[in-house]
């Protein structure tokens, strides 16, 4: 129950009209409205801009590329390209952080 998240999706004008800040389930659990939620590793904001997710993804990819700098001299060009493709593409294609 601690992992349950709730978000309204819409334009800024639509979201301004919503006044519900929480949902009560079976009278026991209150779920509070969030501005951002995570679903399968993807950070979703209420306007579906994905700006925070893209920022986090770019930072993660940069970190992986920076780590490759340490071993780059020991790799052939083809091996380096393959490794970059494997580390970066899987994050972009499959939304893995």
Foldseek 3Di string as FASTA:
>chain_A
DVQDAAEAADDPVVVVPDDDQWDQDPNPDIHGYDQWHADQLQIAGRHRPSVVRVVVLVVQLVVVVVVVVVCVVVDDPVVSVVVSCVVNVCCVVVVHD
